[in-house]
Full PDB file with SEQRES, HELIX, SHEET, SSBOND, CRYST1, ORIGX, SCALE, CONECT and MASTER records, all heavy atoms in Angstrom:
SEQRES   1 A   30  PRO GLY VAL LEU ARG ASN GLY GLY ILE TRP LYS SER ILE          
SEQRES   2 A   30  LYS ARG GLY ILE ILE ARG GLU LEU LYS LEU PRO ALA ILE          
SEQRES   3 A   30  MET THR GLN VAL                                              
HELIX    1 AA1 ILE A    9  GLY A   16  1                                   8    
HELIX    2 AA2 ILE A   17  LEU A   21  3                                   5    
CRYST1    1.000    1.000    1.000  90.00  90.00  90.00 P 1           1          
ORIGX1      1.000000  0.000000  0.000000        0.00000                         
ORIGX2      0.000000  1.000000  0.000000        0.00000                         
ORIGX3      0.000000  0.000000  1.000000        0.00000                         
SCALE1      1.000000  0.000000  0.000000        0.00000                         
SCALE2      0.000000  1.000000  0.000000        0.00000                         
SCALE3      0.000000  0.000000  1.000000        0.00000                         
ATOM      1  N   PRO A   1      -1.589   8.513 -10.024  1.00  0.00           N  
ATOM      2  CA  PRO A   1      -1.454   7.058 -10.022  1.00  0.00           C  
ATOM      3  C   PRO A   1      -0.137   6.535 -10.601  1.00  0.00           C  
ATOM      4  O   PRO A   1       0.376   7.353 -11.364  1.00  0.00           O  
ATOM      5  CB  PRO A   1      -2.641   6.557 -10.901  1.00  0.00           C  
ATOM      6  CG  PRO A   1      -3.014   7.742 -11.738  1.00  0.00           C  
ATOM      7  CD  PRO A   1      -2.664   8.972 -10.878  1.00  0.00           C  
ATOM      8  N   GLY A   2       0.351   5.292 -10.369  1.00  0.00           N  
ATOM      9  CA  GLY A   2      -0.220   4.204  -9.581  1.00  0.00           C  
ATOM     10  C   GLY A   2       0.121   4.229  -8.077  1.00  0.00           C  
ATOM     11  O   GLY A   2       0.803   5.228  -7.470  1.00  0.00           O  
ATOM     12  N   VAL A   3      -0.125   3.080  -7.439  1.00  0.00           N  
ATOM     13  CA  VAL A   3      -0.163   3.038  -5.990  1.00  0.00           C  
ATOM     14  C   VAL A   3       1.244   3.131  -5.412  1.00  0.00           C  
ATOM     15  O   VAL A   3       1.341   3.590  -4.244  1.00  0.00           O  
ATOM     16  CB  VAL A   3      -0.825   1.689  -5.566  1.00  0.00           C  
ATOM     17  CG1 VAL A   3      -2.357   1.690  -5.825  1.00  0.00           C  
ATOM     18  CG2 VAL A   3      -0.118   0.543  -6.186  1.00  0.00           C  
ATOM     19  N   LEU A   4       2.387   2.854  -6.013  1.00  0.00           N  
ATOM     20  CA  LEU A   4       3.646   2.918  -5.557  1.00  0.00           C  
ATOM     21  C   LEU A   4       4.448   4.162  -5.991  1.00  0.00           C  
ATOM     22  O   LEU A   4       5.683   4.125  -5.783  1.00  0.00           O  
ATOM     23  CB  LEU A   4       4.451   1.640  -5.741  1.00  0.00           C  
ATOM     24  CG  LEU A   4       3.767   0.279  -5.282  1.00  0.00           C  
ATOM     25  CD1 LEU A   4       4.646  -0.817  -5.467  1.00  0.00           C  
ATOM     26  CD2 LEU A   4       3.512   0.433  -3.763  1.00  0.00           C  
ATOM     27  N   ARG A   5       3.839   5.052  -6.523  1.00  0.00           N  
ATOM     28  CA  ARG A   5       4.544   6.233  -7.040  1.00  0.00           C  
ATOM     29  C   ARG A   5       4.923   7.287  -5.969  1.00  0.00           C  
ATOM     30  O   ARG A   5       5.907   8.017  -6.152  1.00  0.00           O  
ATOM     31  CB  ARG A   5       3.793   6.967  -8.105  1.00  0.00           C  
ATOM     32  CG  ARG A   5       3.905   6.333  -9.577  1.00  0.00           C  
ATOM     33  CD  ARG A   5       3.093   7.136 -10.480  1.00  0.00           C  
ATOM     34  NE  ARG A   5       3.613   8.469 -10.625  1.00  0.00           N  
ATOM     35  CZ  ARG A   5       3.092   9.426 -11.534  1.00  0.00           C  
ATOM     36  NH1 ARG A   5       2.041   9.106 -12.216  1.00  0.00           N  
ATOM     37  NH2 ARG A   5       3.558  10.642 -11.648  1.00  0.00           N  
ATOM     38  N   ASN A   6       4.132   7.253  -4.930  1.00  0.00           N  
ATOM     39  CA  ASN A   6       4.269   8.502  -4.065  1.00  0.00           C  
ATOM     40  C   ASN A   6       3.640   8.027  -2.669  1.00  0.00           C  
ATOM     41  O   ASN A   6       3.189   6.984  -2.459  1.00  0.00           O  
ATOM     42  CB  ASN A   6       3.584   9.657  -4.565  1.00  0.00           C  
ATOM     43  CG  ASN A   6       2.247   9.293  -5.184  1.00  0.00           C  
ATOM     44  OD1 ASN A   6       1.332   8.667  -4.670  1.00  0.00           O  
ATOM     45  ND2 ASN A   6       2.085   9.649  -6.512  1.00  0.00           N  
ATOM     46  N   GLY A   7       3.760   9.084  -1.707  1.00  0.00           N  
ATOM     47  CA  GLY A   7       3.061   8.809  -0.511  1.00  0.00           C  
ATOM     48  C   GLY A   7       3.989   8.820   0.855  1.00  0.00           C  
ATOM     49  O   GLY A   7       3.538   8.699   1.880  1.00  0.00           O  
ATOM     50  N   GLY A   8       5.218   9.123   0.635  1.00  0.00           N  
ATOM     51  CA  GLY A   8       6.080   9.172   1.814  1.00  0.00           C  
ATOM     52  C   GLY A   8       6.167   7.891   2.523  1.00  0.00           C  
ATOM     53  O   GLY A   8       6.426   6.895   1.893  1.00  0.00           O  
ATOM     54  N   ILE A   9       5.780   7.871   3.742  1.00  0.00           N  
ATOM     55  CA  ILE A   9       5.718   6.611   4.554  1.00  0.00           C  
ATOM     56  C   ILE A   9       4.748   5.633   3.899  1.00  0.00           C  
ATOM     57  O   ILE A   9       5.022   4.426   3.933  1.00  0.00           O  
ATOM     58  CB  ILE A   9       5.311   6.930   5.962  1.00  0.00           C  
ATOM     59  CG1 ILE A   9       5.425   5.632   6.899  1.00  0.00           C  
ATOM     60  CG2 ILE A   9       3.931   7.498   6.128  1.00  0.00           C  
ATOM     61  CD1 ILE A   9       5.091   5.853   8.333  1.00  0.00           C  
ATOM     62  N   TRP A  10       3.665   6.102   3.257  1.00  0.00           N  
ATOM     63  CA  TRP A  10       2.677   5.200   2.784  1.00  0.00           C  
ATOM     64  C   TRP A  10       3.178   4.510   1.499  1.00  0.00           C  
ATOM     65  O   TRP A  10       2.751   3.373   1.226  1.00  0.00           O  
ATOM     66  CB  TRP A  10       1.464   5.986   2.244  1.00  0.00           C  
ATOM     67  CG  TRP A  10       0.622   6.464   3.477  1.00  0.00           C  
ATOM     68  CD1 TRP A  10       0.485   7.674   4.019  1.00  0.00           C  
ATOM     69  CD2 TRP A  10      -0.236   5.526   4.327  1.00  0.00           C  
ATOM     70  NE1 TRP A  10      -0.392   7.669   5.072  1.00  0.00           N  
ATOM     71  CE2 TRP A  10      -0.706   6.387   5.240  1.00  0.00           C  
ATOM     72  CE3 TRP A  10      -0.455   4.247   4.197  1.00  0.00           C  
ATOM     73  CZ2 TRP A  10      -1.655   5.915   6.352  1.00  0.00           C  
ATOM     74  CZ3 TRP A  10      -1.348   3.688   5.164  1.00  0.00           C  
ATOM     75  CH2 TRP A  10      -1.907   4.493   6.298  1.00  0.00           C  
ATOM     76  N   LYS A  11       4.169   5.009   0.833  1.00  0.00           N  
ATOM     77  CA  LYS A  11       4.746   4.369  -0.324  1.00  0.00           C  
ATOM     78  C   LYS A  11       5.417   2.994   0.029  1.00  0.00           C  
ATOM     79  O   LYS A  11       5.090   1.983  -0.511  1.00  0.00           O  
ATOM     80  CB  LYS A  11       5.806   5.244  -1.059  1.00  0.00           C  
ATOM     81  CG  LYS A  11       6.477   4.615  -2.284  1.00  0.00           C  
ATOM     82  CD  LYS A  11       7.344   5.664  -2.937  1.00  0.00           C  
ATOM     83  CE  LYS A  11       8.100   4.949  -4.148  1.00  0.00           C  
ATOM     84  NZ  LYS A  11       8.947   5.822  -4.842  1.00  0.00           N  
ATOM     85  N   SER A  12       6.186   2.998   1.228  1.00  0.00           N  
ATOM     86  CA  SER A  12       6.846   1.766   1.522  1.00  0.00           C  
ATOM     87  C   SER A  12       5.838   0.886   2.291  1.00  0.00           C  
ATOM     88  O   SER A  12       5.948  -0.389   2.169  1.00  0.00           O  
ATOM     89  CB  SER A  12       7.996   2.144   2.511  1.00  0.00           C  
ATOM     90  OG  SER A  12       7.645   3.008   3.554  1.00  0.00           O  
ATOM     91  N   ILE A  13       4.776   1.465   3.013  1.00  0.00           N  
ATOM     92  CA  ILE A  13       3.785   0.550   3.513  1.00  0.00           C  
ATOM     93  C   ILE A  13       2.953  -0.142   2.352  1.00  0.00           C  
ATOM     94  O   ILE A  13       2.760  -1.409   2.514  1.00  0.00           O  
ATOM     95  CB  ILE A  13       2.788   1.501   4.440  1.00  0.00           C  
ATOM     96  CG1 ILE A  13       3.452   1.862   5.569  1.00  0.00           C  
ATOM     97  CG2 ILE A  13       1.517   0.653   4.751  1.00  0.00           C  
ATOM     98  CD1 ILE A  13       2.737   2.878   6.471  1.00  0.00           C  
ATOM     99  N   LYS A  14       2.605   0.539   1.439  1.00  0.00           N  
ATOM    100  CA  LYS A  14       1.935  -0.085   0.296  1.00  0.00           C  
ATOM    101  C   LYS A  14       2.741  -1.132  -0.402  1.00  0.00           C  
ATOM    102  O   LYS A  14       2.162  -2.258  -0.682  1.00  0.00           O  
ATOM    103  CB  LYS A  14       1.372   1.035  -0.750  1.00  0.00           C  
ATOM    104  CG  LYS A  14       0.319   1.875  -0.268  1.00  0.00           C  
ATOM    105  CD  LYS A  14      -0.096   2.910  -1.238  1.00  0.00           C  
ATOM    106  CE  LYS A  14       0.783   4.052  -1.412  1.00  0.00           C  
ATOM    107  NZ  LYS A  14       0.342   5.138  -2.262  1.00  0.00           N  
ATOM    108  N   ARG A  15       3.920  -0.801  -0.519  1.00  0.00           N  
ATOM    109  CA  ARG A  15       4.823  -1.896  -1.276  1.00  0.00           C  
ATOM    110  C   ARG A  15       4.968  -3.060  -0.387  1.00  0.00           C  
ATOM    111  O   ARG A  15       4.852  -4.215  -0.923  1.00  0.00           O  
ATOM    112  CB  ARG A  15       6.246  -1.194  -1.430  1.00  0.00           C  
ATOM    113  CG  ARG A  15       7.180  -2.143  -2.185  1.00  0.00           C  
ATOM    114  CD  ARG A  15       8.496  -1.417  -2.520  1.00  0.00           C  
ATOM    115  NE  ARG A  15       9.076  -0.728  -1.416  1.00  0.00           N  
ATOM    116  CZ  ARG A  15       9.422   0.509  -1.282  1.00  0.00           C  
ATOM    117  NH1 ARG A  15       9.069   1.372  -2.277  1.00  0.00           N  
ATOM    118  NH2 ARG A  15      10.001   1.025  -0.209  1.00  0.00           N  
ATOM    119  N   GLY A  16       5.113  -2.941   1.019  1.00  0.00           N  
ATOM    120  CA  GLY A  16       5.117  -4.105   1.866  1.00  0.00           C  
ATOM    121  C   GLY A  16       3.850  -4.945   1.920  1.00  0.00           C  
ATOM    122  O   GLY A  16       3.957  -6.196   1.963  1.00  0.00           O  
ATOM    123  N   ILE A  17       2.781  -4.200   1.811  1.00  0.00           N  
ATOM    124  CA  ILE A  17       1.482  -4.916   1.895  1.00  0.00           C  
ATOM    125  C   ILE A  17       1.202  -5.698   0.630  1.00  0.00           C  
ATOM    126  O   ILE A  17       0.750  -6.852   0.559  1.00  0.00           O  
ATOM    127  CB  ILE A  17       0.306  -3.973   2.215  1.00  0.00           C  
ATOM    128  CG1 ILE A  17       0.420  -3.600   3.742  1.00  0.00           C  
ATOM    129  CG2 ILE A  17      -1.018  -4.579   1.970  1.00  0.00           C  
ATOM    130  CD1 ILE A  17      -0.547  -2.523   4.057  1.00  0.00           C  
ATOM    131  N   ILE A  18       1.442  -4.991  -0.556  1.00  0.00           N  
ATOM    132  CA  ILE A  18       1.033  -5.558  -1.804  1.00  0.00           C  
ATOM    133  C   ILE A  18       2.064  -6.625  -2.325  1.00  0.00           C  
ATOM    134  O   ILE A  18       1.683  -7.731  -2.804  1.00  0.00           O  
ATOM    135  CB  ILE A  18       0.909  -4.483  -2.896  1.00  0.00           C  
ATOM    136  CG1 ILE A  18      -0.137  -3.524  -2.574  1.00  0.00           C  
ATOM    137  CG2 ILE A  18       0.932  -4.990  -4.287  1.00  0.00           C  
ATOM    138  CD1 ILE A  18      -0.063  -2.271  -3.434  1.00  0.00           C  
ATOM    139  N   ARG A  19       3.343  -6.484  -1.932  1.00  0.00           N  
ATOM    140  CA  ARG A  19       4.386  -7.419  -2.524  1.00  0.00           C  
ATOM    141  C   ARG A  19       4.731  -8.506  -1.490  1.00  0.00           C  
ATOM    142  O   ARG A  19       5.253  -9.541  -1.810  1.00  0.00           O  
ATOM    143  CB  ARG A  19       5.518  -6.573  -2.963  1.00  0.00           C  
ATOM    144  CG  ARG A  19       5.245  -5.786  -4.232  1.00  0.00           C  
ATOM    145  CD  ARG A  19       6.542  -5.062  -4.609  1.00  0.00           C  
ATOM    146  NE  ARG A  19       6.280  -4.293  -5.935  1.00  0.00           N  
ATOM    147  CZ  ARG A  19       7.148  -3.429  -6.423  1.00  0.00           C  
ATOM    148  NH1 ARG A  19       8.348  -3.323  -5.890  1.00  0.00           N  
ATOM    149  NH2 ARG A  19       6.905  -2.760  -7.514  1.00  0.00           N  
ATOM    150  N   GLU A  20       4.574  -8.139  -0.158  1.00  0.00           N  
ATOM    151  CA  GLU A  20       5.045  -9.223   0.771  1.00  0.00           C  
ATOM    152  C   GLU A  20       3.911  -9.718   1.668  1.00  0.00           C  
ATOM    153  O   GLU A  20       3.766 -10.942   1.771  1.00  0.00           O  
ATOM    154  CB  GLU A  20       6.106  -8.475   1.635  1.00  0.00           C  
ATOM    155  CG  GLU A  20       7.385  -8.089   0.870  1.00  0.00           C  
ATOM    156  CD  GLU A  20       8.385  -7.461   1.676  1.00  0.00           C  
ATOM    157  OE1 GLU A  20       9.078  -7.934   2.512  1.00  0.00           O  
ATOM    158  OE2 GLU A  20       8.498  -6.087   1.544  1.00  0.00           O  
ATOM    159  N   LEU A  21       3.199  -8.884   2.400  1.00  0.00           N  
ATOM    160  CA  LEU A  21       2.213  -9.357   3.394  1.00  0.00           C  
ATOM    161  C   LEU A  21       0.984  -9.876   2.679  1.00  0.00           C  
ATOM    162  O   LEU A  21       0.381 -10.831   3.113  1.00  0.00           O  
ATOM    163  CB  LEU A  21       1.773  -8.203   4.269  1.00  0.00           C  
ATOM    164  CG  LEU A  21       2.886  -7.775   5.213  1.00  0.00           C  
ATOM    165  CD1 LEU A  21       2.347  -6.631   6.097  1.00  0.00           C  
ATOM    166  CD2 LEU A  21       3.263  -8.884   6.242  1.00  0.00           C  
ATOM    167  N   LYS A  22       0.707  -9.292   1.574  1.00  0.00           N  
ATOM    168  CA  LYS A  22      -0.493  -9.667   0.683  1.00  0.00           C  
ATOM    169  C   LYS A  22      -1.703  -9.939   1.643  1.00  0.00           C  
ATOM    170  O   LYS A  22      -2.363 -10.988   1.669  1.00  0.00           O  
ATOM    171  CB  LYS A  22      -0.281 -10.957  -0.020  1.00  0.00           C  
ATOM    172  CG  LYS A  22       0.952 -10.817  -0.950  1.00  0.00           C  
ATOM    173  CD  LYS A  22       1.370 -12.156  -1.592  1.00  0.00           C  
ATOM    174  CE  LYS A  22       2.717 -11.991  -2.330  1.00  0.00           C  
ATOM    175  NZ  LYS A  22       3.268 -13.330  -2.835  1.00  0.00           N  
ATOM    176  N   LEU A  23      -2.107  -8.929   2.410  1.00  0.00           N  
ATOM    177  CA  LEU A  23      -3.206  -8.914   3.320  1.00  0.00           C  
ATOM    178  C   LEU A  23      -4.407  -9.256   2.659  1.00  0.00           C  
ATOM    179  O   LEU A  23      -4.751  -8.660   1.603  1.00  0.00           O  
ATOM    180  CB  LEU A  23      -3.297  -7.624   4.146  1.00  0.00           C  
ATOM    181  CG  LEU A  23      -2.076  -7.154   4.834  1.00  0.00           C  
ATOM    182  CD1 LEU A  23      -2.337  -5.816   5.507  1.00  0.00           C  
ATOM    183  CD2 LEU A  23      -1.691  -8.208   5.920  1.00  0.00           C  
ATOM    184  N   PRO A  24      -5.298 -10.187   3.191  1.00  0.00           N  
ATOM    185  CA  PRO A  24      -6.477 -10.440   2.498  1.00  0.00           C  
ATOM    186  C   PRO A  24      -7.628  -9.496   2.585  1.00  0.00           C  
ATOM    187  O   PRO A  24      -8.569  -9.495   1.849  1.00  0.00           O  
ATOM    188  CB  PRO A  24      -6.979 -11.831   3.381  1.00  0.00           C  
ATOM    189  CG  PRO A  24      -6.331 -11.676   4.710  1.00  0.00           C  
ATOM    190  CD  PRO A  24      -4.947 -11.009   4.444  1.00  0.00           C  
ATOM    191  N   ALA A  25      -7.518  -8.493   3.530  1.00  0.00           N  
ATOM    192  CA  ALA A  25      -8.525  -7.491   3.754  1.00  0.00           C  
ATOM    193  C   ALA A  25      -7.852  -6.173   4.075  1.00  0.00           C  
ATOM    194  O   ALA A  25      -6.914  -6.037   4.821  1.00  0.00           O  
ATOM    195  CB  ALA A  25      -9.544  -7.859   4.905  1.00  0.00           C  
ATOM    196  N   ILE A  26      -8.356  -5.101   3.484  1.00  0.00           N  
ATOM    197  CA  ILE A  26      -7.812  -3.743   3.650  1.00  0.00           C  
ATOM    198  C   ILE A  26      -9.045  -2.772   3.787  1.00  0.00           C  
ATOM    199  O   ILE A  26     -10.044  -2.914   3.099  1.00  0.00           O  
ATOM    200  CB  ILE A  26      -6.924  -3.315   2.474  1.00  0.00           C  
ATOM    201  CG1 ILE A  26      -5.628  -4.166   2.414  1.00  0.00           C  
ATOM    202  CG2 ILE A  26      -6.525  -1.876   2.528  1.00  0.00           C  
ATOM    203  CD1 ILE A  26      -4.799  -3.869   1.211  1.00  0.00           C  
ATOM    204  N   MET A  27      -8.928  -1.775   4.689  1.00  0.00           N  
ATOM    205  CA  MET A  27      -9.807  -0.650   4.755  1.00  0.00           C  
ATOM    206  C   MET A  27      -9.164   0.499   4.041  1.00  0.00           C  
ATOM    207  O   MET A  27      -7.954   0.817   4.168  1.00  0.00           O  
ATOM    208  CB  MET A  27     -10.050  -0.302   6.221  1.00  0.00           C  
ATOM    209  CG  MET A  27     -10.691   1.168   6.432  1.00  0.00           C  
ATOM    210  SD  MET A  27     -12.372   1.219   5.989  1.00  0.00           S  
ATOM    211  CE  MET A  27     -13.246   0.377   7.421  1.00  0.00           C  
ATOM    212  N   THR A  28      -9.917   1.228   3.026  1.00  0.00           N  
ATOM    213  CA  THR A  28      -9.356   2.497   2.599  1.00  0.00           C  
ATOM    214  C   THR A  28     -10.464   3.567   3.019  1.00  0.00           C  
ATOM    215  O   THR A  28     -11.674   3.391   2.874  1.00  0.00           O  
ATOM    216  CB  THR A  28      -9.185   2.522   1.198  1.00  0.00           C  
ATOM    217  OG1 THR A  28      -8.467   3.606   0.787  1.00  0.00           O  
ATOM    218  CG2 THR A  28     -10.491   2.258   0.326  1.00  0.00           C  
ATOM    219  N   GLN A  29     -10.024   4.643   3.636  1.00  0.00           N  
ATOM    220  CA  GLN A  29     -10.875   5.701   3.933  1.00  0.00           C  
ATOM    221  C   GLN A  29     -11.319   6.406   2.677  1.00  0.00           C  
ATOM    222  O   GLN A  29     -10.383   6.822   1.981  1.00  0.00           O  
ATOM    223  CB  GLN A  29     -10.217   6.672   4.885  1.00  0.00           C  
ATOM    224  CG  GLN A  29      -9.938   6.004   6.322  1.00  0.00           C  
ATOM    225  CD  GLN A  29      -9.130   6.773   7.225  1.00  0.00           C  
ATOM    226  OE1 GLN A  29      -8.198   7.497   6.778  1.00  0.00           O  
ATOM    227  NE2 GLN A  29      -9.395   6.764   8.503  1.00  0.00           N  
ATOM    228  N   VAL A  30     -12.555   6.505   2.493  1.00  0.00           N  
ATOM    229  CA  VAL A  30     -13.019   6.839   1.094  1.00  0.00           C  
ATOM    230  C   VAL A  30     -12.572   8.252   0.647  1.00  0.00           C  
ATOM    231  O   VAL A  30     -12.413   8.544  -0.576  1.00  0.00           O  
ATOM    232  CB  VAL A  30     -14.605   6.728   1.068  1.00  0.00           C  
ATOM    233  CG1 VAL A  30     -15.275   7.904   1.815  1.00  0.00           C  
ATOM    234  CG2 VAL A  30     -15.099   6.737  -0.302  1.00  0.00           C  
TER     235      VAL A  30                                                      
MASTER        0    0    0    2    0    0    0    6  234    1    0    3          
END                                                                             
């Protein structure tokens, strides 16, 4: 942890969703 520390392509995706798109709903595969 945390969510923006790593992930390759996922790091920039998470940053874009959390800081810019602010999507109201998200699915996470458990």
